[in-house]
Amino acid sequence: MSNTKAELLMRERRVLATGFIEVIVWRLPEPVRGSTHGLKYRLAYVVEGNCVLRYDNEAGKGDHRHVGSKQMPFAFVSVEQLLDDFFSDVASWQGD
């Protein structure tokens, strides 16, 4: 990914009682390899130094999520849906 043409849309880090979340989303001039949309993202939930939940679209892997040690495909619809799904998973992980 070339940083010169990427536009940062969102960068947020929230400290929670049980760890922290980090949300980063960029708009790209073209999709990363494996994705069909022009966004690059990384959403992570870290507890006691361990990333227990992560949504990302690493080049070559496409849209996917990590829950614990499992990795599974994720159907990207929109940034809003991505955030809704991520925060829903965070709440589930916390037992809410």
PDB file of N, CA and C in Angstrom:
ATOM      1  N   MET A   1       0.854  -1.176   0.000  1.00  0.00           N
ATOM      2  CA  MET A   1       0.000   0.000   0.000  1.00  0.00           C
ATOM      3  C   MET A   1       0.896   1.234   0.000  1.00  0.00           C
ATOM      4  N   SER A   2       0.654   2.121  -0.910  1.00  0.00           N
ATOM      5  CA  SER A   2       1.412   3.360  -0.983  1.00  0.00           C
ATOM      6  C   SER A   2       0.771   4.403  -0.086  1.00  0.00           C
ATOM      7  N   ASN A   3       1.544   4.947   0.849  1.00  0.00           N
ATOM      8  CA  ASN A   3       1.011   5.936   1.789  1.00  0.00           C
ATOM      9  C   ASN A   3       0.706   7.267   1.122  1.00  0.00           C
ATOM     10  N   THR A   4       1.309   7.552  -0.027  1.00  0.00           N
ATOM     11  CA  THR A   4       1.152   8.861  -0.641  1.00  0.00           C
ATOM     12  C   THR A   4      -0.264   9.105  -1.139  1.00  0.00           C
ATOM     13  N   LYS A   5      -0.998   8.052  -1.492  1.00  0.00           N
ATOM     14  CA  LYS A   5      -2.339   8.249  -2.018  1.00  0.00           C
ATOM     15  C   LYS A   5      -3.424   7.742  -1.087  1.00  0.00           C
ATOM     16  N   ALA A   6      -3.044   7.206   0.049  1.00  0.00           N
ATOM     17  CA  ALA A   6      -4.033   6.728   1.018  1.00  0.00           C
ATOM     18  C   ALA A   6      -4.552   7.910   1.828  1.00  0.00           C
ATOM     19  N   GLU A   7      -5.858   7.917   2.075  1.00  0.00           N
ATOM     20  CA  GLU A   7      -6.485   8.961   2.882  1.00  0.00           C
ATOM     21  C   GLU A   7      -6.984   8.336   4.181  1.00  0.00           C
ATOM     22  N   LEU A   8      -6.471   8.786   5.290  1.00  0.00           N
ATOM     23  CA  LEU A   8      -6.908   8.283   6.582  1.00  0.00           C
ATOM     24  C   LEU A   8      -8.322   8.783   6.859  1.00  0.00           C
ATOM     25  N   LEU A   9      -9.262   7.850   7.032  1.00  0.00           N
ATOM     26  CA  LEU A   9     -10.654   8.207   7.302  1.00  0.00           C
ATOM     27  C   LEU A   9     -10.974   8.154   8.796  1.00  0.00           C
ATOM     28  N   MET A  10     -10.316   7.245   9.505  1.00  0.00           N
ATOM     29  CA  MET A  10     -10.647   7.056  10.902  1.00  0.00           C
ATOM     30  C   MET A  10      -9.450   6.451  11.633  1.00  0.00           C
ATOM     31  N   ARG A  11      -9.131   7.010  12.765  1.00  0.00           N
ATOM     32  CA  ARG A  11      -8.104   6.456  13.649  1.00  0.00           C
ATOM     33  C   ARG A  11      -8.553   6.750  15.074  1.00  0.00           C
ATOM     34  N   GLU A  12      -8.850   5.689  15.800  1.00  0.00           N
ATOM     35  CA  GLU A  12      -9.367   5.861  17.152  1.00  0.00           C
ATOM     36  C   GLU A  12      -8.839   4.738  18.043  1.00  0.00           C
ATOM     37  N   ARG A  13      -8.507   5.103  19.246  1.00  0.00           N
ATOM     38  CA  ARG A  13      -8.096   4.124  20.249  1.00  0.00           C
ATOM     39  C   ARG A  13      -8.879   4.430  21.521  1.00  0.00           C
ATOM     40  N   ARG A  14      -9.558   3.409  22.043  1.00  0.00           N
ATOM     41  CA  ARG A  14     -10.357   3.561  23.259  1.00  0.00           C
ATOM     42  C   ARG A  14      -9.854   2.587  24.310  1.00  0.00           C
ATOM     43  N   VAL A  15      -9.591   3.113  25.490  1.00  0.00           N
ATOM     44  CA  VAL A  15      -9.210   2.263  26.612  1.00  0.00           C
ATOM     45  C   VAL A  15     -10.494   1.819  27.299  1.00  0.00           C
ATOM     46  N   LEU A  16     -10.616   0.509  27.474  1.00  0.00           N
ATOM     47  CA  LEU A  16     -11.782  -0.084  28.122  1.00  0.00           C
ATOM     48  C   LEU A  16     -11.363  -0.684  29.458  1.00  0.00           C
ATOM     49  N   ALA A  17     -12.320  -1.061  30.261  1.00  0.00           N
ATOM     50  CA  ALA A  17     -12.016  -1.691  31.544  1.00  0.00           C
ATOM     51  C   ALA A  17     -11.265  -3.006  31.347  1.00  0.00           C
ATOM     52  N   THR A  18     -11.511  -3.654  30.219  1.00  0.00           N
ATOM     53  CA  THR A  18     -10.913  -4.969  29.963  1.00  0.00           C
ATOM     54  C   THR A  18      -9.812  -4.942  28.908  1.00  0.00           C
ATOM     55  N   GLY A  19      -9.299  -3.803  28.553  1.00  0.00           N
ATOM     56  CA  GLY A  19      -8.256  -3.718  27.520  1.00  0.00           C
ATOM     57  C   GLY A  19      -8.437  -2.453  26.702  1.00  0.00           C
ATOM     58  N   PHE A  20      -8.195  -2.555  25.397  1.00  0.00           N
ATOM     59  CA  PHE A  20      -8.421  -1.409  24.525  1.00  0.00           C
ATOM     60  C   PHE A  20      -8.818  -1.876  23.139  1.00  0.00           C
ATOM     61  N   ILE A  21      -9.452  -0.965  22.402  1.00  0.00           N
ATOM     62  CA  ILE A  21      -9.758  -1.204  20.997  1.00  0.00           C
ATOM     63  C   ILE A  21      -9.030  -0.168  20.165  1.00  0.00           C
ATOM     64  N   GLU A  22      -8.698  -0.549  18.956  1.00  0.00           N
ATOM     65  CA  GLU A  22      -8.087   0.370  18.002  1.00  0.00           C
ATOM     66  C   GLU A  22      -8.781   0.171  16.662  1.00  0.00           C
ATOM     67  N   VAL A  23      -9.182   1.279  16.059  1.00  0.00           N
ATOM     68  CA  VAL A  23      -9.877   1.263  14.776  1.00  0.00           C
ATOM     69  C   VAL A  23      -9.125   2.177  13.831  1.00  0.00           C
ATOM     70  N   ILE A  24      -8.693   1.627  12.690  1.00  0.00           N
ATOM     71  CA  ILE A  24      -7.995   2.414  11.672  1.00  0.00           C
ATOM     72  C   ILE A  24      -8.584   2.051  10.310  1.00  0.00           C
ATOM     73  N   VAL A  25      -8.984   3.075   9.545  1.00  0.00           N
ATOM     74  CA  VAL A  25      -9.568   2.874   8.215  1.00  0.00           C
ATOM     75  C   VAL A  25      -8.972   3.901   7.264  1.00  0.00           C
ATOM     76  N   TRP A  26      -8.489   3.438   6.102  1.00  0.00           N
ATOM     77  CA  TRP A  26      -7.973   4.314   5.044  1.00  0.00           C
ATOM     78  C   TRP A  26      -8.798   4.119   3.776  1.00  0.00           C
ATOM     79  N   ARG A  27      -8.901   5.165   3.004  1.00  0.00           N
ATOM     80  CA  ARG A  27      -9.451   5.062   1.640  1.00  0.00           C
ATOM     81  C   ARG A  27      -8.250   4.991   0.701  1.00  0.00           C
ATOM     82  N   LEU A  28      -8.287   4.038  -0.220  1.00  0.00           N
ATOM     83  CA  LEU A  28      -7.193   3.820  -1.165  1.00  0.00           C
ATOM     84  C   LEU A  28      -7.646   4.143  -2.581  1.00  0.00           C
ATOM     85  N   PRO A  29      -6.706   4.442  -3.455  1.00  0.00           N
ATOM     86  CA  PRO A  29      -7.078   4.703  -4.839  1.00  0.00           C
ATOM     87  C   PRO A  29      -7.553   3.439  -5.564  1.00  0.00           C
ATOM     88  N   GLU A  30      -7.184   2.267  -5.063  1.00  0.00           N
ATOM     89  CA  GLU A  30      -7.640   0.994  -5.639  1.00  0.00           C
ATOM     90  C   GLU A  30      -7.664  -0.053  -4.532  1.00  0.00           C
ATOM     91  N   PRO A  31      -8.453  -1.105  -4.688  1.00  0.00           N
ATOM     92  CA  PRO A  31      -8.551  -2.128  -3.641  1.00  0.00           C
ATOM     93  C   PRO A  31      -7.221  -2.843  -3.396  1.00  0.00           C
ATOM     94  N   VAL A  32      -7.028  -3.279  -2.148  1.00  0.00           N
ATOM     95  CA  VAL A  32      -5.875  -4.133  -1.863  1.00  0.00           C
ATOM     96  C   VAL A  32      -6.159  -5.503  -2.475  1.00  0.00           C
ATOM     97  N   ARG A  33      -5.115  -6.229  -2.791  1.00  0.00           N
ATOM     98  CA  ARG A  33      -5.257  -7.557  -3.387  1.00  0.00           C
ATOM     99  C   ARG A  33      -6.105  -8.431  -2.471  1.00  0.00           C
ATOM    100  N   GLY A  34      -7.172  -9.011  -3.012  1.00  0.00           N
ATOM    101  CA  GLY A  34      -8.058  -9.864  -2.239  1.00  0.00           C
ATOM    102  C   GLY A  34      -9.353  -9.192  -1.811  1.00  0.00           C
ATOM    103  N   SER A  35      -9.443  -7.870  -1.938  1.00  0.00           N
ATOM    104  CA  SER A  35     -10.662  -7.131  -1.590  1.00  0.00           C
ATOM    105  C   SER A  35     -11.246  -6.489  -2.841  1.00  0.00           C
ATOM    106  N   THR A  36     -12.540  -6.205  -2.798  1.00  0.00           N
ATOM    107  CA  THR A  36     -13.205  -5.610  -3.962  1.00  0.00           C
ATOM    108  C   THR A  36     -13.560  -4.138  -3.751  1.00  0.00           C
ATOM    109  N   HIS A  37     -13.234  -3.584  -2.585  1.00  0.00           N
ATOM    110  CA  HIS A  37     -13.568  -2.195  -2.266  1.00  0.00           C
ATOM    111  C   HIS A  37     -12.276  -1.407  -2.064  1.00  0.00           C
ATOM    112  N   GLY A  38     -12.372  -0.101  -2.055  1.00  0.00           N
ATOM    113  CA  GLY A  38     -11.201   0.761  -1.958  1.00  0.00           C
ATOM    114  C   GLY A  38     -10.825   1.182  -0.545  1.00  0.00           C
ATOM    115  N   LEU A  39     -11.029   0.302   0.424  1.00  0.00           N
ATOM    116  CA  LEU A  39     -10.685   0.624   1.800  1.00  0.00           C
ATOM    117  C   LEU A  39      -9.667  -0.363   2.345  1.00  0.00           C
ATOM    118  N   LYS A  40      -8.847   0.104   3.240  1.00  0.00           N
ATOM    119  CA  LYS A  40      -7.909  -0.734   3.990  1.00  0.00           C
ATOM    120  C   LYS A  40      -8.232  -0.474   5.449  1.00  0.00           C
ATOM    121  N   TYR A  41      -8.395  -1.549   6.245  1.00  0.00           N
ATOM    122  CA  TYR A  41      -8.795  -1.354   7.622  1.00  0.00           C
ATOM    123  C   TYR A  41      -8.148  -2.361   8.560  1.00  0.00           C
ATOM    124  N   ARG A  42      -8.103  -1.960   9.820  1.00  0.00           N
ATOM    125  CA  ARG A  42      -7.629  -2.835  10.898  1.00  0.00           C
ATOM    126  C   ARG A  42      -8.375  -2.415  12.161  1.00  0.00           C
ATOM    127  N   LEU A  43      -9.163  -3.318  12.697  1.00  0.00           N
ATOM    128  CA  LEU A  43      -9.898  -3.090  13.934  1.00  0.00           C
ATOM    129  C   LEU A  43      -9.464  -4.178  14.894  1.00  0.00           C
ATOM    130  N   ALA A  44      -9.015  -3.803  16.068  1.00  0.00           N
ATOM    131  CA  ALA A  44      -8.488  -4.791  17.003  1.00  0.00           C
ATOM    132  C   ALA A  44      -9.001  -4.540  18.408  1.00  0.00           C
ATOM    133  N   TYR A  45      -9.211  -5.641  19.116  1.00  0.00           N
ATOM    134  CA  TYR A  45      -9.557  -5.609  20.539  1.00  0.00           C
ATOM    135  C   TYR A  45      -8.458  -6.377  21.262  1.00  0.00           C
ATOM    136  N   VAL A  46      -7.771  -5.702  22.163  1.00  0.00           N
ATOM    137  CA  VAL A  46      -6.612  -6.267  22.860  1.00  0.00           C
ATOM    138  C   VAL A  46      -6.925  -6.340  24.355  1.00  0.00           C
ATOM    139  N   VAL A  47      -6.725  -7.524  24.930  1.00  0.00           N
ATOM    140  CA  VAL A  47      -6.970  -7.759  26.348  1.00  0.00           C
ATOM    141  C   VAL A  47      -5.702  -8.348  26.957  1.00  0.00           C
ATOM    142  N   GLU A  48      -5.195  -7.706  27.992  1.00  0.00           N
ATOM    143  CA  GLU A  48      -3.981  -8.159  28.688  1.00  0.00           C
ATOM    144  C   GLU A  48      -2.831  -8.443  27.707  1.00  0.00           C
ATOM    145  N   GLY A  49      -2.674  -7.558  26.737  1.00  0.00           N
ATOM    146  CA  GLY A  49      -1.587  -7.661  25.779  1.00  0.00           C
ATOM    147  C   GLY A  49      -1.809  -8.645  24.642  1.00  0.00           C
ATOM    148  N   ASN A  50      -2.964  -9.313  24.615  1.00  0.00           N
ATOM    149  CA  ASN A  50      -3.273 -10.278  23.559  1.00  0.00           C
ATOM    150  C   ASN A  50      -4.395  -9.763  22.679  1.00  0.00           C
ATOM    151  N   CYS A  51      -4.191  -9.811  21.370  1.00  0.00           N
ATOM    152  CA  CYS A  51      -5.237  -9.430  20.427  1.00  0.00           C
ATOM    153  C   CYS A  51      -6.232 -10.596  20.365  1.00  0.00           C
ATOM    154  N   VAL A  52      -7.413 -10.389  20.936  1.00  0.00           N
ATOM    155  CA  VAL A  52      -8.406 -11.457  21.000  1.00  0.00           C
ATOM    156  C   VAL A  52      -9.427 -11.373  19.869  1.00  0.00           C
ATOM    157  N   LEU A  53      -9.496 -10.217  19.204  1.00  0.00           N
ATOM    158  CA  LEU A  53     -10.437 -10.014  18.109  1.00  0.00           C
ATOM    159  C   LEU A  53      -9.829  -9.019  17.137  1.00  0.00           C
ATOM    160  N   ARG A  54      -9.831  -9.359  15.848  1.00  0.00           N
ATOM    161  CA  ARG A  54      -9.299  -8.428  14.847  1.00  0.00           C
ATOM    162  C   ARG A  54     -10.037  -8.618  13.532  1.00  0.00           C
ATOM    163  N   TYR A  55     -10.423  -7.508  12.945  1.00  0.00           N
ATOM    164  CA  TYR A  55     -10.978  -7.485  11.588  1.00  0.00           C
ATOM    165  C   TYR A  55      -9.946  -6.746  10.738  1.00  0.00           C
ATOM    166  N   ASP A  56      -9.599  -7.315   9.580  1.00  0.00           N
ATOM    167  CA  ASP A  56      -8.672  -6.617   8.687  1.00  0.00           C
ATOM    168  C   ASP A  56      -8.798  -7.168   7.282  1.00  0.00           C
ATOM    169  N   ASN A  57      -8.140  -6.497   6.355  1.00  0.00           N
ATOM    170  CA  ASN A  57      -8.110  -6.966   4.974  1.00  0.00           C
ATOM    171  C   ASN A  57      -6.676  -6.897   4.460  1.00  0.00           C
ATOM    172  N   GLU A  58      -5.854  -7.676   5.091  1.00  0.00           N
ATOM    173  CA  GLU A  58      -4.447  -7.795   4.710  1.00  0.00           C
ATOM    174  C   GLU A  58      -4.347  -8.170   3.231  1.00  0.00           C
ATOM    175  N   ALA A  59      -3.425  -7.541   2.523  1.00  0.00           N
ATOM    176  CA  ALA A  59      -3.251  -7.812   1.094  1.00  0.00           C
ATOM    177  C   ALA A  59      -3.058  -9.305   0.854  1.00  0.00           C
ATOM    178  N   GLY A  60      -3.833  -9.835  -0.074  1.00  0.00           N
ATOM    179  CA  GLY A  60      -3.747 -11.244  -0.422  1.00  0.00           C
ATOM    180  C   GLY A  60      -4.721 -12.116   0.337  1.00  0.00           C
ATOM    181  N   LYS A  61      -5.154 -11.686   1.509  1.00  0.00           N
ATOM    182  CA  LYS A  61      -6.101 -12.470   2.308  1.00  0.00           C
ATOM    183  C   LYS A  61      -7.533 -11.969   2.157  1.00  0.00           C
ATOM    184  N   GLY A  62      -7.696 -10.737   1.734  1.00  0.00           N
ATOM    185  CA  GLY A  62      -9.028 -10.162   1.615  1.00  0.00           C
ATOM    186  C   GLY A  62      -9.638  -9.874   2.975  1.00  0.00           C
ATOM    187  N   ASP A  63     -10.927  -9.639   2.981  1.00  0.00           N
ATOM    188  CA  ASP A  63     -11.653  -9.294   4.197  1.00  0.00           C
ATOM    189  C   ASP A  63     -11.799 -10.536   5.077  1.00  0.00           C
ATOM    190  N   HIS A  64     -11.347 -10.418   6.313  1.00  0.00           N
ATOM    191  CA  HIS A  64     -11.457 -11.543   7.242  1.00  0.00           C
ATOM    192  C   HIS A  64     -11.398 -11.036   8.671  1.00  0.00           C
ATOM    193  N   ARG A  65     -11.689 -11.933   9.594  1.00  0.00           N
ATOM    194  CA  ARG A  65     -11.621 -11.584  11.004  1.00  0.00           C
ATOM    195  C   ARG A  65     -10.936 -12.714  11.761  1.00  0.00           C
ATOM    196  N   HIS A  66     -10.327 -12.344  12.863  1.00  0.00           N
ATOM    197  CA  HIS A  66      -9.676 -13.282  13.759  1.00  0.00           C
ATOM    198  C   HIS A  66     -10.445 -13.233  15.078  1.00  0.00           C
ATOM    199  N   VAL A  67     -10.882 -14.376  15.539  1.00  0.00           N
ATOM    200  CA  VAL A  67     -11.534 -14.478  16.849  1.00  0.00           C
ATOM    201  C   VAL A  67     -10.716 -15.497  17.625  1.00  0.00           C
ATOM    202  N   GLY A  68     -10.000 -14.998  18.636  1.00  0.00           N
ATOM    203  CA  GLY A  68      -9.045 -15.870  19.313  1.00  0.00           C
ATOM    204  C   GLY A  68      -8.006 -16.320  18.305  1.00  0.00           C
ATOM    205  N   SER A  69      -7.789 -17.620  18.195  1.00  0.00           N
ATOM    206  CA  SER A  69      -6.794 -18.143  17.255  1.00  0.00           C
ATOM    207  C   SER A  69      -7.412 -18.546  15.915  1.00  0.00           C
ATOM    208  N   LYS A  70      -8.718 -18.354  15.756  1.00  0.00           N
ATOM    209  CA  LYS A  70      -9.389 -18.740  14.513  1.00  0.00           C
ATOM    210  C   LYS A  70      -9.490 -17.562  13.556  1.00  0.00           C
ATOM    211  N   GLN A  71      -9.282 -17.850  12.277  1.00  0.00           N
ATOM    212  CA  GLN A  71      -9.427 -16.846  11.219  1.00  0.00           C
ATOM    213  C   GLN A  71     -10.542 -17.303  10.297  1.00  0.00           C
ATOM    214  N   MET A  72     -11.438 -16.361   9.932  1.00  0.00           N
ATOM    215  CA  MET A  72     -12.533 -16.708   9.042  1.00  0.00           C
ATOM    216  C   MET A  72     -12.842 -15.543   8.109  1.00  0.00           C
ATOM    217  N   PRO A  73     -13.371 -15.841   6.921  1.00  0.00           N
ATOM    218  CA  PRO A  73     -13.736 -14.770   5.994  1.00  0.00           C
ATOM    219  C   PRO A  73     -14.798 -13.863   6.586  1.00  0.00           C
ATOM    220  N   PHE A  74     -14.796 -12.628   6.123  1.00  0.00           N
ATOM    221  CA  PHE A  74     -15.765 -11.643   6.571  1.00  0.00           C
ATOM    222  C   PHE A  74     -16.311 -10.949   5.328  1.00  0.00           C
ATOM    223  N   ALA A  75     -17.627 -10.850   5.198  1.00  0.00           N
ATOM    224  CA  ALA A  75     -18.248 -10.197   4.040  1.00  0.00           C
ATOM    225  C   ALA A  75     -18.351  -8.698   4.307  1.00  0.00           C
ATOM    226  N   PHE A  76     -17.472  -7.918   3.678  1.00  0.00           N
ATOM    227  CA  PHE A  76     -17.493  -6.464   3.835  1.00  0.00           C
ATOM    228  C   PHE A  76     -18.685  -5.896   3.079  1.00  0.00           C
ATOM    229  N   VAL A  77     -19.496  -5.074   3.776  1.00  0.00           N
ATOM    230  CA  VAL A  77     -20.651  -4.420   3.173  1.00  0.00           C
ATOM    231  C   VAL A  77     -20.430  -2.911   3.127  1.00  0.00           C
ATOM    232  N   SER A  78     -20.061  -2.339   4.289  1.00  0.00           N
ATOM    233  CA  SER A  78     -19.830  -0.896   4.408  1.00  0.00           C
ATOM    234  C   SER A  78     -19.015  -0.656   5.674  1.00  0.00           C
ATOM    235  N   VAL A  79     -18.470   0.541   5.803  1.00  0.00           N
ATOM    236  CA  VAL A  79     -17.737   0.888   7.023  1.00  0.00           C
ATOM    237  C   VAL A  79     -18.682   0.833   8.217  1.00  0.00           C
ATOM    238  N   GLU A  80     -19.897   1.317   8.048  1.00  0.00           N
ATOM    239  CA  GLU A  80     -20.860   1.313   9.141  1.00  0.00           C
ATOM    240  C   GLU A  80     -21.139  -0.106   9.621  1.00  0.00           C
ATOM    241  N   GLN A  81     -21.339  -1.034   8.678  1.00  0.00           N
ATOM    242  CA  GLN A  81     -21.612  -2.426   9.039  1.00  0.00           C
ATOM    243  C   GLN A  81     -20.381  -3.069   9.669  1.00  0.00           C
ATOM    244  N   LEU A  82     -19.213  -2.749   9.149  1.00  0.00           N
ATOM    245  CA  LEU A  82     -17.958  -3.248   9.716  1.00  0.00           C
ATOM    246  C   LEU A  82     -17.846  -2.854  11.192  1.00  0.00           C
ATOM    247  N   LEU A  83     -18.085  -1.583  11.477  1.00  0.00           N
ATOM    248  CA  LEU A  83     -18.017  -1.093  12.850  1.00  0.00           C
ATOM    249  C   LEU A  83     -19.085  -1.747  13.731  1.00  0.00           C
ATOM    250  N   ASP A  84     -20.309  -1.869  13.211  1.00  0.00           N
ATOM    251  CA  ASP A  84     -21.380  -2.516  13.970  1.00  0.00           C
ATOM    252  C   ASP A  84     -21.004  -3.950  14.325  1.00  0.00           C
ATOM    253  N   ASP A  85     -20.515  -4.688  13.342  1.00  0.00           N
ATOM    254  CA  ASP A  85     -20.144  -6.086  13.576  1.00  0.00           C
ATOM    255  C   ASP A  85     -18.989  -6.201  14.565  1.00  0.00           C
ATOM    256  N   PHE A  86     -17.989  -5.345  14.410  1.00  0.00           N
ATOM    257  CA  PHE A  86     -16.837  -5.378  15.304  1.00  0.00           C
ATOM    258  C   PHE A  86     -17.255  -5.082  16.747  1.00  0.00           C
ATOM    259  N   PHE A  87     -18.000  -3.998  16.952  1.00  0.00           N
ATOM    260  CA  PHE A  87     -18.399  -3.634  18.310  1.00  0.00           C
ATOM    261  C   PHE A  87     -19.364  -4.653  18.911  1.00  0.00           C
ATOM    262  N   SER A  88     -20.161  -5.290  18.086  1.00  0.00           N
ATOM    263  CA  SER A  88     -21.018  -6.375  18.565  1.00  0.00           C
ATOM    264  C   SER A  88     -20.173  -7.549  19.050  1.00  0.00           C
ATOM    265  N   ASP A  89     -19.120  -7.883  18.293  1.00  0.00           N
ATOM    266  CA  ASP A  89     -18.213  -8.963  18.703  1.00  0.00           C
ATOM    267  C   ASP A  89     -17.447  -8.594  19.977  1.00  0.00           C
ATOM    268  N   VAL A  90     -17.048  -7.336  20.096  1.00  0.00           N
ATOM    269  CA  VAL A  90     -16.375  -6.885  21.329  1.00  0.00           C
ATOM    270  C   VAL A  90     -17.311  -7.072  22.520  1.00  0.00           C
ATOM    271  N   ALA A  91     -18.577  -6.660  22.368  1.00  0.00           N
ATOM    272  CA  ALA A  91     -19.544  -6.809  23.454  1.00  0.00           C
ATOM    273  C   ALA A  91     -19.749  -8.282  23.797  1.00  0.00           C
ATOM    274  N   SER A  92     -19.803  -9.133  22.784  1.00  0.00           N
ATOM    275  CA  SER A  92     -19.952 -10.576  23.040  1.00  0.00           C
ATOM    276  C   SER A  92     -18.747 -11.118  23.774  1.00  0.00           C
ATOM    277  N   TRP A  93     -17.566 -10.684  23.373  1.00  0.00           N
ATOM    278  CA  TRP A  93     -16.343 -11.147  24.039  1.00  0.00           C
ATOM    279  C   TRP A  93     -16.335 -10.732  25.510  1.00  0.00           C
ATOM    280  N   GLN A  94     -16.854  -9.530  25.781  1.00  0.00           N
ATOM    281  CA  GLN A  94     -16.895  -9.016  27.153  1.00  0.00           C
ATOM    282  C   GLN A  94     -18.035  -9.644  27.962  1.00  0.00           C
ATOM    283  N   GLY A  95     -18.926 -10.368  27.286  1.00  0.00           N
ATOM    284  CA  GLY A  95     -20.047 -10.992  27.981  1.00  0.00           C
ATOM    285  C   GLY A  95     -21.253 -10.101  28.128  1.00  0.00           C
ATOM    286  N   ASP A  96     -21.301  -9.008  27.359  1.00  0.00           N
ATOM    287  CA  ASP A  96     -22.448  -8.081  27.425  1.00  0.00           C
ATOM    288  C   ASP A  96     -23.632  -8.618  26.638  1.00  0.00           C
TER     289      ASP A  96
END
